[in-house]
PDB file of N, CA and C in Angstrom:
ATOM      1  N   MET A   1     -15.802   1.118 -21.511  1.00  0.00           N
ATOM      2  CA  MET A   1     -14.518   0.994 -20.869  1.00  0.00           C
ATOM      3  C   MET A   1     -13.487   1.815 -21.633  1.00  0.00           C
ATOM      4  N   ALA A   2     -12.529   2.350 -20.888  1.00  0.00           N
ATOM      5  CA  ALA A   2     -11.483   3.179 -21.474  1.00  0.00           C
ATOM      6  C   ALA A   2     -10.368   2.315 -22.046  1.00  0.00           C
ATOM      7  N   GLN A   3      -9.645   2.909 -22.967  1.00  0.00           N
ATOM      8  CA  GLN A   3      -8.484   2.247 -23.539  1.00  0.00           C
ATOM      9  C   GLN A   3      -7.263   3.103 -23.267  1.00  0.00           C
ATOM     10  N   LEU A   4      -6.123   2.457 -23.164  1.00  0.00           N
ATOM     11  CA  LEU A   4      -4.884   3.157 -22.883  1.00  0.00           C
ATOM     12  C   LEU A   4      -3.802   2.604 -23.791  1.00  0.00           C
ATOM     13  N   VAL A   5      -3.089   3.494 -24.454  1.00  0.00           N
ATOM     14  CA  VAL A   5      -1.987   3.087 -25.323  1.00  0.00           C
ATOM     15  C   VAL A   5      -0.699   3.557 -24.662  1.00  0.00           C
ATOM     16  N   VAL A   6       0.248   2.663 -24.537  1.00  0.00           N
ATOM     17  CA  VAL A   6       1.540   3.003 -23.950  1.00  0.00           C
ATOM     18  C   VAL A   6       2.590   2.925 -25.047  1.00  0.00           C
ATOM     19  N   ARG A   7       3.204   4.062 -25.330  1.00  0.00           N
ATOM     20  CA  ARG A   7       4.227   4.123 -26.375  1.00  0.00           C
ATOM     21  C   ARG A   7       5.608   4.171 -25.747  1.00  0.00           C
ATOM     22  N   ASN A   8       6.592   3.826 -26.543  1.00  0.00           N
ATOM     23  CA  ASN A   8       8.011   3.924 -26.150  1.00  0.00           C
ATOM     24  C   ASN A   8       8.336   3.087 -24.919  1.00  0.00           C
ATOM     25  N   LEU A   9       7.708   1.951 -24.803  1.00  0.00           N
ATOM     26  CA  LEU A   9       8.003   1.026 -23.711  1.00  0.00           C
ATOM     27  C   LEU A   9       9.229   0.205 -24.093  1.00  0.00           C
ATOM     28  N   GLU A  10      10.183   0.139 -23.199  1.00  0.00           N
ATOM     29  CA  GLU A  10      11.403  -0.600 -23.488  1.00  0.00           C
ATOM     30  C   GLU A  10      11.092  -2.071 -23.744  1.00  0.00           C
ATOM     31  N   ASN A  11      11.838  -2.672 -24.662  1.00  0.00           N
ATOM     32  CA  ASN A  11      11.640  -4.085 -24.990  1.00  0.00           C
ATOM     33  C   ASN A  11      11.852  -4.980 -23.780  1.00  0.00           C
ATOM     34  N   SER A  12      12.801  -4.622 -22.916  1.00  0.00           N
ATOM     35  CA  SER A  12      13.059  -5.437 -21.729  1.00  0.00           C
ATOM     36  C   SER A  12      11.865  -5.427 -20.775  1.00  0.00           C
ATOM     37  N   VAL A  13      11.195  -4.275 -20.658  1.00  0.00           N
ATOM     38  CA  VAL A  13      10.009  -4.175 -19.797  1.00  0.00           C
ATOM     39  C   VAL A  13       8.879  -5.016 -20.379  1.00  0.00           C
ATOM     40  N   LYS A  14       8.699  -4.933 -21.686  1.00  0.00           N
ATOM     41  CA  LYS A  14       7.662  -5.733 -22.342  1.00  0.00           C
ATOM     42  C   LYS A  14       7.925  -7.219 -22.139  1.00  0.00           C
ATOM     43  N   ALA A  15       9.164  -7.645 -22.280  1.00  0.00           N
ATOM     44  CA  ALA A  15       9.505  -9.060 -22.100  1.00  0.00           C
ATOM     45  C   ALA A  15       9.237  -9.508 -20.671  1.00  0.00           C
ATOM     46  N   ARG A  16       9.569  -8.653 -19.711  1.00  0.00           N
ATOM     47  CA  ARG A  16       9.315  -9.006 -18.307  1.00  0.00           C
ATOM     48  C   ARG A  16       7.823  -9.076 -18.014  1.00  0.00           C
ATOM     49  N   LEU A  17       7.041  -8.174 -18.610  1.00  0.00           N
ATOM     50  CA  LEU A  17       5.586  -8.230 -18.456  1.00  0.00           C
ATOM     51  C   LEU A  17       5.027  -9.522 -19.051  1.00  0.00           C
ATOM     52  N   GLN A  18       5.549  -9.917 -20.210  1.00  0.00           N
ATOM     53  CA  GLN A  18       5.093 -11.160 -20.839  1.00  0.00           C
ATOM     54  C   GLN A  18       5.410 -12.362 -19.963  1.00  0.00           C
ATOM     55  N   ARG A  19       6.606 -12.395 -19.392  1.00  0.00           N
ATOM     56  CA  ARG A  19       6.974 -13.508 -18.505  1.00  0.00           C
ATOM     57  C   ARG A  19       6.092 -13.529 -17.257  1.00  0.00           C
ATOM     58  N   ARG A  20       5.864 -12.355 -16.704  1.00  0.00           N
ATOM     59  CA  ARG A  20       5.017 -12.257 -15.509  1.00  0.00           C
ATOM     60  C   ARG A  20       3.595 -12.716 -15.810  1.00  0.00           C
ATOM     61  N   ALA A  21       3.064 -12.305 -16.946  1.00  0.00           N
ATOM     62  CA  ALA A  21       1.716 -12.723 -17.344  1.00  0.00           C
ATOM     63  C   ALA A  21       1.648 -14.231 -17.534  1.00  0.00           C
ATOM     64  N   ARG A  22       2.654 -14.779 -18.181  1.00  0.00           N
ATOM     65  CA  ARG A  22       2.699 -16.230 -18.391  1.00  0.00           C
ATOM     66  C   ARG A  22       2.726 -16.965 -17.051  1.00  0.00           C
ATOM     67  N   ARG A  23       3.548 -16.456 -16.117  1.00  0.00           N
ATOM     68  CA  ARG A  23       3.639 -17.060 -14.782  1.00  0.00           C
ATOM     69  C   ARG A  23       2.298 -17.044 -14.059  1.00  0.00           C
ATOM     70  N   ASN A  24       1.528 -15.968 -14.248  1.00  0.00           N
ATOM     71  CA  ASN A  24       0.233 -15.822 -13.581  1.00  0.00           C
ATOM     72  C   ASN A  24      -0.930 -16.393 -14.385  1.00  0.00           C
ATOM     73  N   GLY A  25      -0.629 -16.973 -15.526  1.00  0.00           N
ATOM     74  CA  GLY A  25      -1.660 -17.627 -16.324  1.00  0.00           C
ATOM     75  C   GLY A  25      -2.668 -16.689 -16.954  1.00  0.00           C
ATOM     76  N   ARG A  26      -2.219 -15.539 -17.409  1.00  0.00           N
ATOM     77  CA  ARG A  26      -3.137 -14.597 -18.065  1.00  0.00           C
ATOM     78  C   ARG A  26      -2.430 -13.867 -19.187  1.00  0.00           C
ATOM     79  N   SER A  27      -3.215 -13.132 -19.956  1.00  0.00           N
ATOM     80  CA  SER A  27      -2.643 -12.380 -21.073  1.00  0.00           C
ATOM     81  C   SER A  27      -1.847 -11.197 -20.539  1.00  0.00           C
ATOM     82  N   MET A  28      -0.976 -10.676 -21.388  1.00  0.00           N
ATOM     83  CA  MET A  28      -0.191  -9.518 -20.986  1.00  0.00           C
ATOM     84  C   MET A  28      -1.106  -8.325 -20.720  1.00  0.00           C
ATOM     85  N   GLU A  29      -2.147  -8.192 -21.507  1.00  0.00           N
ATOM     86  CA  GLU A  29      -3.098  -7.100 -21.312  1.00  0.00           C
ATOM     87  C   GLU A  29      -3.773  -7.193 -19.947  1.00  0.00           C
ATOM     88  N   GLU A  30      -4.196  -8.383 -19.564  1.00  0.00           N
ATOM     89  CA  GLU A  30      -4.828  -8.567 -18.254  1.00  0.00           C
ATOM     90  C   GLU A  30      -3.820  -8.347 -17.124  1.00  0.00           C
ATOM     91  N   GLU A  31      -2.594  -8.736 -17.356  1.00  0.00           N
ATOM     92  CA  GLU A  31      -1.537  -8.523 -16.353  1.00  0.00           C
ATOM     93  C   GLU A  31      -1.327  -7.038 -16.110  1.00  0.00           C
ATOM     94  N   VAL A  32      -1.274  -6.253 -17.184  1.00  0.00           N
ATOM     95  CA  VAL A  32      -1.092  -4.801 -17.054  1.00  0.00           C
ATOM     96  C   VAL A  32      -2.293  -4.188 -16.338  1.00  0.00           C
ATOM     97  N   ARG A  33      -3.509  -4.641 -16.669  1.00  0.00           N
ATOM     98  CA  ARG A  33      -4.699  -4.135 -15.974  1.00  0.00           C
ATOM     99  C   ARG A  33      -4.605  -4.414 -14.482  1.00  0.00           C
ATOM    100  N   ASP A  34      -4.168  -5.613 -14.120  1.00  0.00           N
ATOM    101  CA  ASP A  34      -4.051  -5.983 -12.712  1.00  0.00           C
ATOM    102  C   ASP A  34      -3.004  -5.126 -12.004  1.00  0.00           C
ATOM    103  N   ILE A  35      -1.881  -4.879 -12.658  1.00  0.00           N
ATOM    104  CA  ILE A  35      -0.829  -4.038 -12.081  1.00  0.00           C
ATOM    105  C   ILE A  35      -1.360  -2.619 -11.846  1.00  0.00           C
ATOM    106  N   LEU A  36      -2.064  -2.071 -12.818  1.00  0.00           N
ATOM    107  CA  LEU A  36      -2.614  -0.725 -12.679  1.00  0.00           C
ATOM    108  C   LEU A  36      -3.660  -0.650 -11.573  1.00  0.00           C
ATOM    109  N   ARG A  37      -4.551  -1.646 -11.503  1.00  0.00           N
ATOM    110  CA  ARG A  37      -5.549  -1.680 -10.422  1.00  0.00           C
ATOM    111  C   ARG A  37      -4.873  -1.708  -9.059  1.00  0.00           C
ATOM    112  N   ALA A  38      -3.876  -2.566  -8.908  1.00  0.00           N
ATOM    113  CA  ALA A  38      -3.177  -2.701  -7.624  1.00  0.00           C
ATOM    114  C   ALA A  38      -2.482  -1.400  -7.241  1.00  0.00           C
ATOM    115  N   ALA A  39      -1.867  -0.739  -8.207  1.00  0.00           N
ATOM    116  CA  ALA A  39      -1.162   0.517  -7.929  1.00  0.00           C
ATOM    117  C   ALA A  39      -2.133   1.595  -7.470  1.00  0.00           C
ATOM    118  N   VAL A  40      -3.272   1.704  -8.133  1.00  0.00           N
ATOM    119  CA  VAL A  40      -4.264   2.715  -7.763  1.00  0.00           C
ATOM    120  C   VAL A  40      -4.866   2.384  -6.402  1.00  0.00           C
ATOM    121  N   HIS A  41      -5.159   1.109  -6.165  1.00  0.00           N
ATOM    122  CA  HIS A  41      -5.730   0.696  -4.882  1.00  0.00           C
ATOM    123  C   HIS A  41      -4.759   0.983  -3.744  1.00  0.00           C
ATOM    124  N   LYS A  42      -3.488   0.689  -3.953  1.00  0.00           N
ATOM    125  CA  LYS A  42      -2.468   0.924  -2.930  1.00  0.00           C
ATOM    126  C   LYS A  42      -2.369   2.410  -2.620  1.00  0.00           C
ATOM    127  N   GLU A  43      -2.379   3.238  -3.641  1.00  0.00           N
ATOM    128  CA  GLU A  43      -2.289   4.683  -3.449  1.00  0.00           C
ATOM    129  C   GLU A  43      -3.508   5.218  -2.698  1.00  0.00           C
ATOM    130  N   GLU A  44      -4.695   4.729  -3.057  1.00  0.00           N
ATOM    131  CA  GLU A  44      -5.917   5.160  -2.370  1.00  0.00           C
ATOM    132  C   GLU A  44      -5.872   4.751  -0.911  1.00  0.00           C
ATOM    133  N   ARG A  45      -5.457   3.529  -0.658  1.00  0.00           N
ATOM    134  CA  ARG A  45      -5.416   3.020   0.706  1.00  0.00           C
ATOM    135  C   ARG A  45      -4.397   3.783   1.533  1.00  0.00           C
ATOM    136  N   LYS A  46      -3.272   4.124   0.913  1.00  0.00           N
ATOM    137  CA  LYS A  46      -2.210   4.824   1.616  1.00  0.00           C
ATOM    138  C   LYS A  46      -2.679   6.195   2.086  1.00  0.00           C
ATOM    139  N   SER A  47      -3.417   6.897   1.276  1.00  0.00           N
ATOM    140  CA  SER A  47      -3.857   8.237   1.646  1.00  0.00           C
ATOM    141  C   SER A  47      -5.152   8.235   2.445  1.00  0.00           C
ATOM    142  N   GLU A  48      -5.788   7.079   2.575  1.00  0.00           N
ATOM    143  CA  GLU A  48      -7.079   7.003   3.251  1.00  0.00           C
ATOM    144  C   GLU A  48      -6.946   7.166   4.763  1.00  0.00           C
ATOM    145  N   PHE A  49      -5.937   6.564   5.360  1.00  0.00           N
ATOM    146  CA  PHE A  49      -5.776   6.587   6.810  1.00  0.00           C
ATOM    147  C   PHE A  49      -4.354   6.972   7.176  1.00  0.00           C
ATOM    148  N   GLY A  50      -4.206   7.549   8.355  1.00  0.00           N
ATOM    149  CA  GLY A  50      -2.883   7.858   8.868  1.00  0.00           C
ATOM    150  C   GLY A  50      -2.329   6.682   9.645  1.00  0.00           C
ATOM    151  N   LEU A  51      -1.093   6.794  10.070  1.00  0.00           N
ATOM    152  CA  LEU A  51      -0.430   5.726  10.808  1.00  0.00           C
ATOM    153  C   LEU A  51      -1.149   5.413  12.114  1.00  0.00           C
ATOM    154  N   GLY A  52      -1.542   6.447  12.837  1.00  0.00           N
ATOM    155  CA  GLY A  52      -2.237   6.238  14.112  1.00  0.00           C
ATOM    156  C   GLY A  52      -3.533   5.473  13.937  1.00  0.00           C
ATOM    157  N   THR A  53      -4.286   5.792  12.918  1.00  0.00           N
ATOM    158  CA  THR A  53      -5.536   5.082  12.637  1.00  0.00           C
ATOM    159  C   THR A  53      -5.260   3.620  12.303  1.00  0.00           C
ATOM    160  N   GLU A  54      -4.218   3.386  11.524  1.00  0.00           N
ATOM    161  CA  GLU A  54      -3.844   2.012  11.178  1.00  0.00           C
ATOM    162  C   GLU A  54      -3.450   1.222  12.425  1.00  0.00           C
ATOM    163  N   LEU A  55      -2.652   1.823  13.302  1.00  0.00           N
ATOM    164  CA  LEU A  55      -2.235   1.140  14.529  1.00  0.00           C
ATOM    165  C   LEU A  55      -3.424   0.874  15.447  1.00  0.00           C
ATOM    166  N   ALA A  56      -4.305   1.839  15.583  1.00  0.00           N
ATOM    167  CA  ALA A  56      -5.487   1.648  16.421  1.00  0.00           C
ATOM    168  C   ALA A  56      -6.346   0.509  15.888  1.00  0.00           C
ATOM    169  N   ALA A  57      -6.465   0.399  14.575  1.00  0.00           N
ATOM    170  CA  ALA A  57      -7.244  -0.692  13.984  1.00  0.00           C
ATOM    171  C   ALA A  57      -6.593  -2.046  14.259  1.00  0.00           C
ATOM    172  N   LEU A  58      -5.260  -2.097  14.261  1.00  0.00           N
ATOM    173  CA  LEU A  58      -4.565  -3.354  14.541  1.00  0.00           C
ATOM    174  C   LEU A  58      -4.846  -3.856  15.951  1.00  0.00           C
ATOM    175  N   PHE A  59      -4.977  -2.930  16.908  1.00  0.00           N
ATOM    176  CA  PHE A  59      -5.159  -3.313  18.302  1.00  0.00           C
ATOM    177  C   PHE A  59      -6.596  -3.102  18.782  1.00  0.00           C
ATOM    178  N   ALA A  60      -7.536  -2.989  17.880  1.00  0.00           N
ATOM    179  CA  ALA A  60      -8.930  -2.729  18.254  1.00  0.00           C
ATOM    180  C   ALA A  60      -9.560  -3.888  19.021  1.00  0.00           C
ATOM    181  N   ASP A  61      -9.149  -5.100  18.753  1.00  0.00           N
ATOM    182  CA  ASP A  61      -9.764  -6.269  19.374  1.00  0.00           C
ATOM    183  C   ASP A  61      -8.971  -6.818  20.556  1.00  0.00           C
ATOM    184  N   VAL A  62      -8.208  -5.963  21.225  1.00  0.00           N
ATOM    185  CA  VAL A  62      -7.377  -6.413  22.346  1.00  0.00           C
ATOM    186  C   VAL A  62      -8.230  -6.679  23.574  1.00  0.00           C
ATOM    187  N   GLY A  63      -9.358  -6.031  23.677  1.00  0.00           N
ATOM    188  CA  GLY A  63     -10.244  -6.252  24.818  1.00  0.00           C
ATOM    189  C   GLY A  63     -10.048  -5.253  25.940  1.00  0.00           C
ATOM    190  N   LEU A  64      -9.636  -4.041  25.630  1.00  0.00           N
ATOM    191  CA  LEU A  64      -9.482  -3.005  26.649  1.00  0.00           C
ATOM    192  C   LEU A  64     -10.850  -2.464  27.046  1.00  0.00           C
ATOM    193  N   ASP A  65     -10.964  -2.042  28.310  1.00  0.00           N
ATOM    194  CA  ASP A  65     -12.230  -1.468  28.778  1.00  0.00           C
ATOM    195  C   ASP A  65     -12.456  -0.073  28.221  1.00  0.00           C
ATOM    196  N   GLU A  66     -11.374   0.662  28.007  1.00  0.00           N
ATOM    197  CA  GLU A  66     -11.465   2.026  27.493  1.00  0.00           C
ATOM    198  C   GLU A  66     -10.676   2.137  26.195  1.00  0.00           C
ATOM    199  N   PRO A  67     -11.067   3.041  25.326  1.00  0.00           N
ATOM    200  CA  PRO A  67     -10.272   3.229  24.111  1.00  0.00           C
ATOM    201  C   PRO A  67      -8.919   3.837  24.459  1.00  0.00           C
ATOM    202  N   ILE A  68      -7.941   3.595  23.620  1.00  0.00           N
ATOM    203  CA  ILE A  68      -6.615   4.165  23.817  1.00  0.00           C
ATOM    204  C   ILE A  68      -6.687   5.663  23.525  1.00  0.00           C
ATOM    205  N   GLN A  69      -6.207   6.459  24.466  1.00  0.00           N
ATOM    206  CA  GLN A  69      -6.273   7.912  24.329  1.00  0.00           C
ATOM    207  C   GLN A  69      -5.156   8.423  23.436  1.00  0.00           C
ATOM    208  N   GLU A  70      -5.442   9.477  22.730  1.00  0.00           N
ATOM    209  CA  GLU A  70      -4.420  10.110  21.908  1.00  0.00           C
ATOM    210  C   GLU A  70      -3.502  10.933  22.796  1.00  0.00           C
ATOM    211  N   LEU A  71      -2.262  11.061  22.402  1.00  0.00           N
ATOM    212  CA  LEU A  71      -1.278  11.809  23.174  1.00  0.00           C
ATOM    213  C   LEU A  71      -0.902  13.094  22.449  1.00  0.00           C
ATOM    214  N   ARG A  72      -1.867  13.933  22.225  1.00  0.00           N
ATOM    215  CA  ARG A  72      -1.595  15.209  21.567  1.00  0.00           C
ATOM    216  C   ARG A  72      -1.310  16.273  22.625  1.00  0.00           C
ATOM    217  N   GLY A  73      -0.394  17.158  22.329  1.00  0.00           N
ATOM    218  CA  GLY A  73      -0.104  18.267  23.220  1.00  0.00           C
ATOM    219  C   GLY A  73       0.881  17.931  24.328  1.00  0.00           C
ATOM    220  N   PHE A  74       1.429  16.732  24.365  1.00  0.00           N
ATOM    221  CA  PHE A  74       2.403  16.368  25.378  1.00  0.00           C
ATOM    222  C   PHE A  74       3.809  16.655  24.871  1.00  0.00           C
ATOM    223  N   GLU A  75       4.664  17.085  25.785  1.00  0.00           N
ATOM    224  CA  GLU A  75       6.050  17.329  25.411  1.00  0.00           C
ATOM    225  C   GLU A  75       6.756  15.998  25.213  1.00  0.00           C
ATOM    226  N   ILE A  76       7.485  15.908  24.139  1.00  0.00           N
ATOM    227  CA  ILE A  76       8.217  14.684  23.841  1.00  0.00           C
ATOM    228  C   ILE A  76       9.599  14.789  24.461  1.00  0.00           C
ATOM    229  N   LYS A  77       9.935  13.821  25.332  1.00  0.00           N
ATOM    230  CA  LYS A  77      11.232  13.830  25.997  1.00  0.00           C
ATOM    231  C   LYS A  77      12.021  12.615  25.513  1.00  0.00           C
ATOM    232  N   PRO A  78      13.213  12.842  25.001  1.00  0.00           N
ATOM    233  CA  PRO A  78      14.023  11.703  24.545  1.00  0.00           C
ATOM    234  C   PRO A  78      14.460  10.849  25.734  1.00  0.00           C
ATOM    235  N   PRO A  79      14.598   9.550  25.534  1.00  0.00           N
ATOM    236  CA  PRO A  79      15.037   8.691  26.652  1.00  0.00           C
ATOM    237  C   PRO A  79      16.506   8.935  26.991  1.00  0.00           C
ATOM    238  N   THR A  80      16.819   8.712  28.244  1.00  0.00           N
ATOM    239  CA  THR A  80      18.214   8.791  28.672  1.00  0.00           C
ATOM    240  C   THR A  80      18.677   7.376  28.981  1.00  0.00           C
ATOM    241  N   PHE A  81      19.866   7.055  28.552  1.00  0.00           N
ATOM    242  CA  PHE A  81      20.373   5.706  28.720  1.00  0.00           C
ATOM    243  C   PHE A  81      21.537   5.658  29.721  1.00  0.00           C
ATOM    244  N   GLU A  82      21.788   6.761  30.347  1.00  0.00           N
ATOM    245  CA  GLU A  82      22.850   6.802  31.336  1.00  0.00           C
ATOM    246  C   GLU A  82      22.269   6.507  32.702  1.00  0.00           C
ATOM    247  N   GLU A  83      23.053   5.856  33.525  1.00  0.00           N
ATOM    248  CA  GLU A  83      22.570   5.518  34.866  1.00  0.00           C
ATOM    249  C   GLU A  83      23.034   6.502  35.883  1.00  0.00           C
TER     250      GLU A  83
END
């Protein structure tokens, strides 16, 4: 396993990490590991799929007979609100 040393960390940040670790019932070292894992996982997940893929996954179980078609190549017309 790799080791990481963080220098020049502000005392206020260290104190907040200690409080957060205490609140979560773990050591400060384990708390930092968890924060780093979550940050990397979030970044990986963010770049893994686009918005359209995410939306399609949300509505995948709606029960449609046909898949929702993509709307590529259509001219986008702004709505008009005047009568």
